[in-house]
Amino acid sequence: MRTDLYTHPDYYDMDDLLSEEHKMVRDAARAWVKKEVSPIIDEHYENATFPHHILPGLGEIGAFGPYIPTEYGGPGLDQISYGLIMQELERCDSGLRSTASVQSSLVMYPIWKYGSEEQKQKYLPKLGTGEMIGCFGLTEPDHGSNPGGMLSNFKDAGDHVVLNGAKMWISNAPFADIAVVWAKDESGRIHGLIVERGMEGFSTPEMHGKLSLRASTTGELIFVDVKVPKANILPGKSGLGAPLGCLDSARFGIAWGALGAAMDCYDQALRYSKERTQFGVPIGGFQLIQKKLAEMITEITKAQLLTFRLGQLRNEGRATSAQISMAKRNNVEIALNIAREARQIHGAMGITSEYSIMRHMANLESVLTYEGTHDIHLLITGMDVTGIPAFTREMPSK
């Protein structure tokens, strides 16, 4: 069992910008991760299993819906606190953060923002404690970056609707109690529906063979004539903007989380460079190693400033989707580059489970793709600065 020696890099004294509550929330999350998750995460990653027993603990540290108001059983924290918790979770493993951010941003967030009072009271308190786990059904086998083309649909049948379709690459799906599913009505308008486990025709097969995010569970959502009560339709918002609003919240969490993975890789590389000797001196004394470390801490510091400012804007309700998109893209990219450089510093040891670097690297390949691919986020920024969308091109007529 590897001892978790992590201390966070803070080259620009970012802690001075945090409130006492922020630091308390972060430190509590870090202490819990070090005690409960770090000792077991490598085993679960190697065995491709999720440690279900940690779910109540995630609830206790406020990882499930940190910003949900206390009236619905949430901690009532701000967006920076949410980001810091995600940073501490992904510092350990991206799969751990994925489990929490799906529950927070993709399940609790839409119920809080778009749900009825009855739906909020029924689901949010149990989701907040981890007693109930949810998942988010948007992407489909043939519609990933183009969610508006989804085929999942429902038809009116009196006091309920009949849902048909399939969703793919769904975190938490195999063990989720509920799914917030996005599907089209008979007019083609997208709505959110809360589908509960046990509803006839609803199944959640697990996907196997992943070489990334192995310590989290991924599956499909299959709907065959599922009868969903109309009371389970989210009434507050419809259209593609509704699920995309959830993705804003999730991408915000990813921006902080990926930074946590980068900070962990740097922390290990710096420590190793001081301990490992070659030619009679620590390898940290060689110019090429110092170059790698200097570039790592520079990118981490820039990303810390980026995410903190984004957190301020999000607290004020002023953060745009494009700003969140930029932070997600930038921070995942620098985290992946830092993981690769840190692996090189560790030499052959860098590919072993004695260090978390190779696991971070594999996980980040998934993070680069989900919640909007790296290239899609580039196009979001491009559209924002030019005003010209470049997502599609008309196929030439024959």
Protein backbone atom coordinates (compact mmCIF):
# COMPACT_ATOMS: atom_id res chain seq x y z
CA MET A 1 0.00 0.00 0.00
CA ARG A 2 1.47 3.32 -1.09
CA THR A 3 1.49 6.15 1.47
CA ASP A 4 -0.30 9.26 0.23
CA LEU A 5 2.19 12.09 0.80
CA TYR A 6 0.39 14.71 -1.28
CA THR A 7 0.77 18.42 -0.54
CA HIS A 8 -0.68 20.89 -2.99
CA PRO A 9 1.58 23.20 -4.99
CA ASP A 10 0.78 26.89 -4.42
CA TYR A 11 3.43 28.96 -6.19
CA TYR A 12 1.38 32.18 -6.25
CA ASP A 13 -0.05 31.91 -2.71
CA MET A 14 -3.52 31.11 -4.01
CA ASP A 15 -4.57 30.08 -0.51
CA ASP A 16 -4.59 33.77 0.41
CA LEU A 17 -7.55 34.20 -1.95
CA LEU A 18 -9.57 31.43 -0.30
CA SER A 19 -11.93 32.00 2.60
CA GLU A 20 -11.59 30.02 5.81
CA GLU A 21 -14.64 28.01 4.75
CA HIS A 22 -13.02 27.20 1.42
CA LYS A 23 -9.89 25.89 3.13
CA MET A 24 -11.90 23.94 5.69
CA VAL A 25 -13.97 22.24 2.96
CA ARG A 26 -10.86 21.43 0.91
CA ASP A 27 -8.87 20.10 3.87
CA ALA A 28 -11.77 17.92 5.03
CA ALA A 29 -12.09 16.42 1.55
CA ARG A 30 -8.32 15.82 1.37
CA ALA A 31 -8.17 14.14 4.77
CA TRP A 32 -11.08 11.85 3.86
CA VAL A 33 -9.53 10.93 0.50
CA LYS A 34 -6.16 10.14 2.08
CA LYS A 35 -7.75 7.94 4.73
CA GLU A 36 -10.56 6.21 2.85
CA VAL A 37 -9.71 6.15 -0.86
CA SER A 38 -5.97 6.45 -1.50
CA PRO A 39 -5.18 3.09 0.18
CA ILE A 40 -7.67 1.17 -2.00
CA ILE A 41 -7.86 3.04 -5.31
CA ASP A 42 -5.07 1.14 -7.11
CA GLU A 43 -6.66 -2.22 -6.33
CA HIS A 44 -10.05 -1.07 -7.61
CA TYR A 45 -8.46 0.42 -10.72
CA GLU A 46 -6.63 -2.80 -11.53
CA ASN A 47 -9.76 -4.90 -10.91
CA ALA A 48 -12.05 -2.45 -12.76
CA THR A 49 -14.38 -2.17 -9.76
CA PHE A 50 -15.97 0.77 -7.99
CA PRO A 51 -15.71 0.99 -4.17
CA HIS A 52 -19.42 1.33 -3.37
CA HIS A 53 -18.78 1.54 0.36
CA ILE A 54 -17.36 5.08 -0.02
CA LEU A 55 -20.65 6.60 -1.25
CA PRO A 56 -21.88 7.68 2.23
CA GLY A 57 -18.46 9.25 2.87
CA LEU A 58 -18.73 11.29 -0.31
CA GLY A 59 -22.05 12.56 1.00
CA GLU A 60 -20.54 13.41 4.38
CA ILE A 61 -17.78 15.60 2.89
CA GLY A 62 -20.34 17.47 0.77
CA ALA A 63 -19.22 16.03 -2.57
CA PHE A 64 -22.80 15.37 -3.68
CA GLY A 65 -24.38 18.70 -4.61
CA PRO A 66 -22.18 21.04 -2.54
CA TYR A 67 -24.11 24.09 -3.81
CA ILE A 68 -27.58 22.63 -3.18
CA PRO A 69 -29.43 24.83 -0.64
CA THR A 70 -29.83 23.54 2.90
CA GLU A 71 -33.63 23.49 2.50
CA TYR A 72 -33.15 20.51 0.18
CA GLY A 73 -30.58 18.80 2.37
CA GLY A 74 -27.50 20.28 0.72
CA PRO A 75 -24.51 22.03 2.32
CA GLY A 76 -25.33 25.36 0.65
CA LEU A 77 -21.69 26.00 -0.33
CA ASP A 78 -20.47 28.25 -3.14
CA GLN A 79 -19.03 27.31 -6.52
CA ILE A 80 -15.40 27.63 -5.43
CA SER A 81 -16.05 25.10 -2.66
CA TYR A 82 -17.56 22.77 -5.25
CA GLY A 83 -14.46 23.19 -7.41
CA LEU A 84 -12.08 22.55 -4.52
CA ILE A 85 -13.87 19.31 -3.59
CA MET A 86 -13.69 18.12 -7.20
CA GLN A 87 -9.99 19.04 -7.24
CA GLU A 88 -9.31 16.91 -4.17
CA LEU A 89 -11.27 13.95 -5.55
CA GLU A 90 -9.58 13.94 -8.96
CA ARG A 91 -6.23 14.45 -7.30
CA CYS A 92 -6.83 10.88 -6.18
CA ASP A 93 -8.61 9.51 -9.28
CA SER A 94 -10.69 10.89 -12.15
CA GLY A 95 -13.23 8.10 -11.69
CA LEU A 96 -13.85 9.22 -8.13
CA ARG A 97 -14.50 12.77 -9.29
CA SER A 98 -16.66 11.54 -12.16
CA THR A 99 -18.94 9.69 -9.77
CA ALA A 100 -19.38 12.81 -7.64
CA SER A 101 -19.68 15.34 -10.45
CA VAL A 102 -22.31 13.27 -12.28
CA GLN A 103 -24.32 13.06 -9.07
CA SER A 104 -23.88 16.79 -8.41
CA SER A 105 -23.98 18.52 -11.78
CA LEU A 106 -25.90 16.13 -13.97
CA VAL A 107 -28.48 14.71 -11.57
CA MET A 108 -28.97 17.04 -8.60
CA TYR A 109 -28.39 20.24 -10.60
CA PRO A 110 -31.19 19.67 -13.16
CA ILE A 111 -33.63 18.56 -10.44
CA TRP A 112 -32.75 21.67 -8.43
CA LYS A 113 -32.88 24.07 -11.39
CA TYR A 114 -35.64 22.53 -13.53
CA GLY A 115 -37.58 20.30 -11.15
CA SER A 116 -40.89 20.83 -9.38
CA GLU A 117 -40.99 21.42 -5.64
CA GLU A 118 -42.24 17.87 -5.18
CA GLN A 119 -39.34 16.47 -7.21
CA LYS A 120 -36.80 18.52 -5.25
CA GLN A 121 -38.17 17.32 -1.91
CA LYS A 122 -38.42 13.72 -3.05
CA TYR A 123 -34.97 13.26 -4.58
CA LEU A 124 -32.44 15.90 -3.48
CA PRO A 125 -32.03 15.00 0.22
CA LYS A 126 -31.39 11.32 -0.53
CA LEU A 127 -29.07 12.14 -3.44
CA GLY A 128 -27.11 14.48 -1.17
CA THR A 129 -26.35 11.76 1.39
CA GLY A 130 -25.54 9.10 -1.18
CA GLU A 131 -28.53 7.03 -0.09
CA MET A 132 -29.72 7.42 -3.67
CA ILE A 133 -27.40 7.53 -6.70
CA GLY A 134 -28.25 8.98 -10.09
CA CYS A 135 -26.95 9.10 -13.63
CA PHE A 136 -27.46 11.35 -16.66
CA GLY A 137 -28.66 10.09 -20.02
CA LEU A 138 -27.81 12.38 -22.93
CA THR A 139 -25.27 10.79 -25.30
CA GLU A 140 -26.39 8.00 -27.60
CA PRO A 141 -24.58 5.38 -29.70
CA ASP A 142 -24.89 7.56 -32.82
CA HIS A 143 -25.12 11.00 -31.20
CA GLY A 144 -22.21 12.12 -29.02
CA SER A 145 -21.00 15.58 -29.97
CA ASN A 146 -24.37 16.14 -31.66
CA PRO A 147 -26.86 15.53 -28.82
CA GLY A 148 -29.58 17.45 -30.64
CA GLY A 149 -29.82 14.57 -33.10
CA MET A 150 -30.88 12.13 -30.36
CA LEU A 151 -33.37 9.40 -31.23
CA SER A 152 -34.69 8.69 -27.72
CA ASN A 153 -38.32 9.75 -27.59
CA PHE A 154 -41.52 9.54 -25.60
CA LYS A 155 -45.20 9.58 -26.48
CA ASP A 156 -48.18 10.78 -24.48
CA ALA A 157 -50.27 8.00 -22.95
CA GLY A 158 -52.64 9.76 -20.54
CA ASP A 159 -51.24 10.08 -17.02
CA HIS A 160 -47.84 8.83 -18.21
CA VAL A 161 -45.56 8.84 -21.22
CA VAL A 162 -43.98 5.87 -23.00
CA LEU A 163 -40.20 6.20 -23.38
CA ASN A 164 -38.08 4.38 -25.96
CA GLY A 165 -34.41 4.70 -26.87
CA ALA A 166 -30.87 4.05 -25.68
CA LYS A 167 -28.09 6.05 -24.05
CA MET A 168 -24.41 5.11 -24.04
CA TRP A 169 -21.26 5.92 -22.02
CA ILE A 170 -23.25 6.69 -18.88
CA SER A 171 -21.25 7.00 -15.64
CA ASN A 172 -22.91 5.40 -12.58
CA ALA A 173 -25.58 3.76 -14.79
CA PRO A 174 -25.21 0.12 -13.64
CA PHE A 175 -25.94 0.92 -9.99
CA ALA A 176 -27.95 4.15 -10.26
CA ASP A 177 -31.33 4.37 -8.55
CA ILE A 178 -32.57 7.07 -10.94
CA ALA A 179 -31.59 8.44 -14.33
CA VAL A 180 -32.18 11.98 -15.55
CA VAL A 181 -32.89 11.19 -19.20
CA TRP A 182 -33.21 13.60 -22.10
CA ALA A 183 -35.59 12.61 -24.88
CA LYS A 184 -37.79 14.19 -27.52
CA ASP A 185 -41.55 14.55 -27.30
CA GLU A 186 -43.82 13.98 -30.28
CA SER A 187 -43.07 17.48 -31.59
CA GLY A 188 -39.31 16.93 -31.39
CA ARG A 189 -38.83 19.10 -28.28
CA ILE A 190 -36.23 17.81 -25.77
CA HIS A 191 -37.38 17.27 -22.16
CA GLY A 192 -35.81 15.82 -19.04
CA LEU A 193 -37.45 12.80 -17.40
CA ILE A 194 -36.61 11.11 -14.10
CA VAL A 195 -36.59 7.37 -14.75
CA GLU A 196 -36.49 5.14 -11.68
CA ARG A 197 -34.87 1.73 -11.37
CA GLY A 198 -37.54 -0.92 -11.37
CA MET A 199 -39.67 0.69 -14.04
CA GLU A 200 -40.59 -2.06 -16.48
CA GLY A 201 -38.54 -1.98 -19.68
CA PHE A 202 -35.65 0.00 -18.14
CA SER A 203 -32.24 -1.72 -17.99
CA THR A 204 -28.66 -0.56 -17.35
CA PRO A 205 -26.09 -3.02 -18.73
CA GLU A 206 -22.49 -2.39 -17.70
CA MET A 207 -19.83 -1.63 -20.31
CA HIS A 208 -16.62 -3.65 -20.01
CA GLY A 209 -13.13 -3.49 -21.50
CA LYS A 210 -12.29 0.07 -20.45
CA LEU A 211 -8.58 0.89 -20.21
CA SER A 212 -9.39 4.27 -18.60
CA LEU A 213 -11.62 5.31 -15.67
CA ARG A 214 -11.45 1.72 -14.49
CA ALA A 215 -12.31 2.61 -10.88
CA SER A 216 -15.68 4.04 -11.92
CA THR A 217 -18.67 2.25 -13.42
CA THR A 218 -19.93 2.98 -16.93
CA GLY A 219 -22.97 1.56 -18.66
CA GLU A 220 -25.84 1.97 -21.04
CA LEU A 221 -29.44 3.00 -20.48
CA ILE A 222 -31.99 0.97 -22.44
CA PHE A 223 -35.65 2.01 -22.63
CA VAL A 224 -38.23 -0.33 -24.15
CA ASP A 225 -41.77 1.03 -23.77
CA VAL A 226 -40.97 2.40 -20.31
CA LYS A 227 -44.00 3.98 -18.66
CA VAL A 228 -42.85 7.17 -16.95
CA PRO A 229 -45.37 9.17 -14.87
CA LYS A 230 -45.88 12.70 -16.11
CA ALA A 231 -45.02 13.82 -12.58
CA ASN A 232 -41.45 12.69 -13.36
CA ILE A 233 -40.98 15.15 -16.24
CA LEU A 234 -38.84 18.16 -15.29
CA PRO A 235 -41.18 21.13 -15.81
CA GLY A 236 -38.76 24.05 -15.42
CA LYS A 237 -36.99 24.01 -18.76
CA SER A 238 -37.04 22.18 -22.09
CA GLY A 239 -35.02 22.26 -25.29
CA LEU A 240 -31.35 21.43 -25.81
CA GLY A 241 -30.35 24.34 -23.57
CA ALA A 242 -31.60 22.41 -20.53
CA PRO A 243 -29.07 19.54 -20.65
CA LEU A 244 -26.35 21.91 -21.88
CA GLY A 245 -26.88 24.00 -18.74
CA CYS A 246 -26.10 20.88 -16.72
CA LEU A 247 -22.97 20.33 -18.78
CA ASP A 248 -21.79 23.83 -17.88
CA SER A 249 -21.86 22.83 -14.22
CA ALA A 250 -20.12 19.52 -14.94
CA ARG A 251 -17.43 21.12 -17.10
CA PHE A 252 -16.76 23.64 -14.35
CA GLY A 253 -16.13 20.76 -11.95
CA ILE A 254 -13.89 19.03 -14.49
CA ALA A 255 -11.77 22.16 -14.89
CA TRP A 256 -11.00 22.06 -11.17
CA GLY A 257 -10.72 18.27 -11.08
CA ALA A 258 -8.25 17.92 -13.93
CA LEU A 259 -6.12 20.55 -12.25
CA GLY A 260 -6.06 18.31 -9.18
CA ALA A 261 -4.67 15.44 -11.26
CA ALA A 262 -1.98 17.76 -12.63
CA MET A 263 -1.06 18.95 -9.14
CA ASP A 264 -0.72 15.36 -7.93
CA CYS A 265 1.56 14.41 -10.83
CA TYR A 266 3.74 17.47 -10.24
CA ASP A 267 3.90 16.84 -6.49
CA GLN A 268 5.13 13.29 -7.05
CA ALA A 269 7.59 14.31 -9.76
CA LEU A 270 9.10 17.06 -7.62
CA ARG A 271 9.52 14.74 -4.65
CA TYR A 272 11.01 11.97 -6.82
CA SER A 273 13.46 14.39 -8.45
CA LYS A 274 14.89 15.22 -5.04
CA GLU A 275 15.09 11.60 -3.87
CA ARG A 276 16.28 9.76 -6.98
CA THR A 277 20.03 9.97 -7.61
CA GLN A 278 21.99 9.27 -10.77
CA PHE A 279 25.68 9.91 -11.31
CA GLY A 280 25.91 10.66 -7.60
CA VAL A 281 23.46 13.60 -7.55
CA PRO A 282 19.65 14.02 -7.30
CA ILE A 283 18.13 14.05 -10.78
CA GLY A 284 16.45 17.33 -9.83
CA GLY A 285 19.87 18.89 -10.30
CA PHE A 286 19.86 18.20 -14.04
CA GLN A 287 18.78 20.99 -16.36
CA LEU A 288 16.28 18.95 -18.36
CA ILE A 289 14.49 17.79 -15.20
CA GLN A 290 14.33 21.35 -13.90
CA LYS A 291 12.94 22.47 -17.26
CA LYS A 292 10.13 19.93 -16.99
CA LEU A 293 9.33 20.89 -13.38
CA ALA A 294 9.45 24.62 -14.11
CA GLU A 295 7.06 24.25 -17.03
CA MET A 296 4.73 22.06 -14.95
CA ILE A 297 4.41 24.51 -12.07
CA THR A 298 3.98 27.41 -14.50
CA GLU A 299 1.04 25.71 -16.24
CA ILE A 300 -0.48 24.66 -12.92
CA THR A 301 -0.25 28.21 -11.57
CA LYS A 302 -1.90 29.66 -14.67
CA ALA A 303 -4.66 27.06 -14.42
CA GLN A 304 -5.17 27.82 -10.72
CA LEU A 305 -5.68 31.49 -11.53
CA LEU A 306 -8.02 30.58 -14.40
CA THR A 307 -10.23 28.32 -12.31
CA PHE A 308 -10.35 30.65 -9.32
CA ARG A 309 -11.48 33.55 -11.47
CA LEU A 310 -14.02 31.30 -13.16
CA GLY A 311 -15.29 30.33 -9.71
CA GLN A 312 -15.76 33.99 -8.83
CA LEU A 313 -17.69 34.60 -12.05
CA ARG A 314 -19.82 31.51 -11.45
CA ASN A 315 -20.61 32.67 -7.92
CA GLU A 316 -21.76 35.98 -9.39
CA GLY A 317 -23.81 34.27 -12.09
CA ARG A 318 -21.68 35.84 -14.81
CA ALA A 319 -19.64 32.89 -16.12
CA THR A 320 -20.49 32.15 -19.74
CA SER A 321 -20.64 28.69 -21.29
CA ALA A 322 -17.68 29.63 -23.48
CA GLN A 323 -15.58 30.69 -20.47
CA ILE A 324 -16.31 27.38 -18.76
CA SER A 325 -15.49 25.57 -21.99
CA MET A 326 -12.10 27.25 -22.20
CA ALA A 327 -11.20 26.25 -18.64
CA LYS A 328 -12.21 22.62 -19.21
CA ARG A 329 -10.18 22.38 -22.41
CA ASN A 330 -7.11 24.16 -21.05
CA ASN A 331 -6.92 22.36 -17.72
CA VAL A 332 -7.40 18.87 -19.13
CA GLU A 333 -4.76 19.55 -21.78
CA ILE A 334 -2.16 20.80 -19.32
CA ALA A 335 -2.96 17.95 -16.91
CA LEU A 336 -2.39 15.35 -19.60
CA ASN A 337 0.88 16.99 -20.66
CA ILE A 338 2.04 17.20 -17.05
CA ALA A 339 1.18 13.54 -16.44
CA ARG A 340 3.30 12.56 -19.44
CA GLU A 341 6.25 14.69 -18.33
CA ALA A 342 5.98 13.41 -14.76
CA ARG A 343 6.00 9.84 -16.04
CA GLN A 344 9.26 10.55 -17.86
CA ILE A 345 10.85 11.97 -14.72
CA HIS A 346 9.97 8.73 -12.92
CA GLY A 347 11.52 6.63 -15.69
CA ALA A 348 10.40 3.00 -15.70
CA MET A 349 8.91 3.40 -12.21
CA GLY A 350 6.42 5.83 -13.71
CA ILE A 351 4.42 3.04 -15.34
CA THR A 352 3.93 1.10 -12.10
CA SER A 353 1.07 1.38 -9.63
CA GLU A 354 3.54 2.50 -6.97
CA TYR A 355 2.84 5.96 -8.38
CA SER A 356 -0.52 7.29 -9.59
CA ILE A 357 0.88 9.01 -12.68
CA MET A 358 0.14 6.34 -15.30
CA ARG A 359 -3.37 5.92 -13.87
CA HIS A 360 -3.92 9.68 -14.11
CA MET A 361 -2.62 9.66 -17.68
CA ALA A 362 -5.02 6.91 -18.76
CA ASN A 363 -7.94 8.53 -16.97
CA LEU A 364 -7.27 11.94 -18.47
CA GLU A 365 -7.54 10.49 -21.97
CA SER A 366 -11.23 9.95 -21.16
CA VAL A 367 -11.62 13.33 -19.50
CA LEU A 368 -10.21 14.88 -22.68
CA THR A 369 -13.19 13.42 -24.55
CA TYR A 370 -16.21 13.47 -22.24
CA GLU A 371 -18.39 16.48 -21.46
CA GLY A 372 -17.43 17.84 -24.88
CA THR A 373 -14.34 16.69 -26.74
CA HIS A 374 -11.15 18.72 -26.77
CA ASP A 375 -11.76 19.76 -30.38
CA ILE A 376 -15.39 20.69 -29.78
CA HIS A 377 -14.28 23.01 -26.99
CA LEU A 378 -11.78 24.62 -29.34
CA LEU A 379 -14.66 25.30 -31.73
CA ILE A 380 -16.78 26.73 -28.90
CA THR A 381 -14.02 29.26 -28.17
CA GLY A 382 -13.58 29.90 -31.88
CA MET A 383 -17.28 30.59 -32.33
CA ASP A 384 -17.31 32.84 -29.27
CA VAL A 385 -14.50 35.08 -30.51
CA THR A 386 -15.47 35.17 -34.19
CA GLY A 387 -19.24 34.86 -33.98
CA ILE A 388 -19.09 32.19 -36.69
CA PRO A 389 -20.07 28.58 -35.85
CA ALA A 390 -17.82 25.97 -37.46
CA PHE A 391 -19.23 22.74 -36.01
CA THR A 392 -20.71 21.36 -39.23
CA ARG A 393 -20.32 21.64 -42.96
CA GLU A 394 -22.87 20.85 -45.62
CA MET A 395 -22.01 17.62 -47.40
CA PRO A 396 -21.34 18.34 -51.10
CA SER A 397 -24.23 17.35 -53.30
CA LYS A 398 -23.56 14.52 -55.73
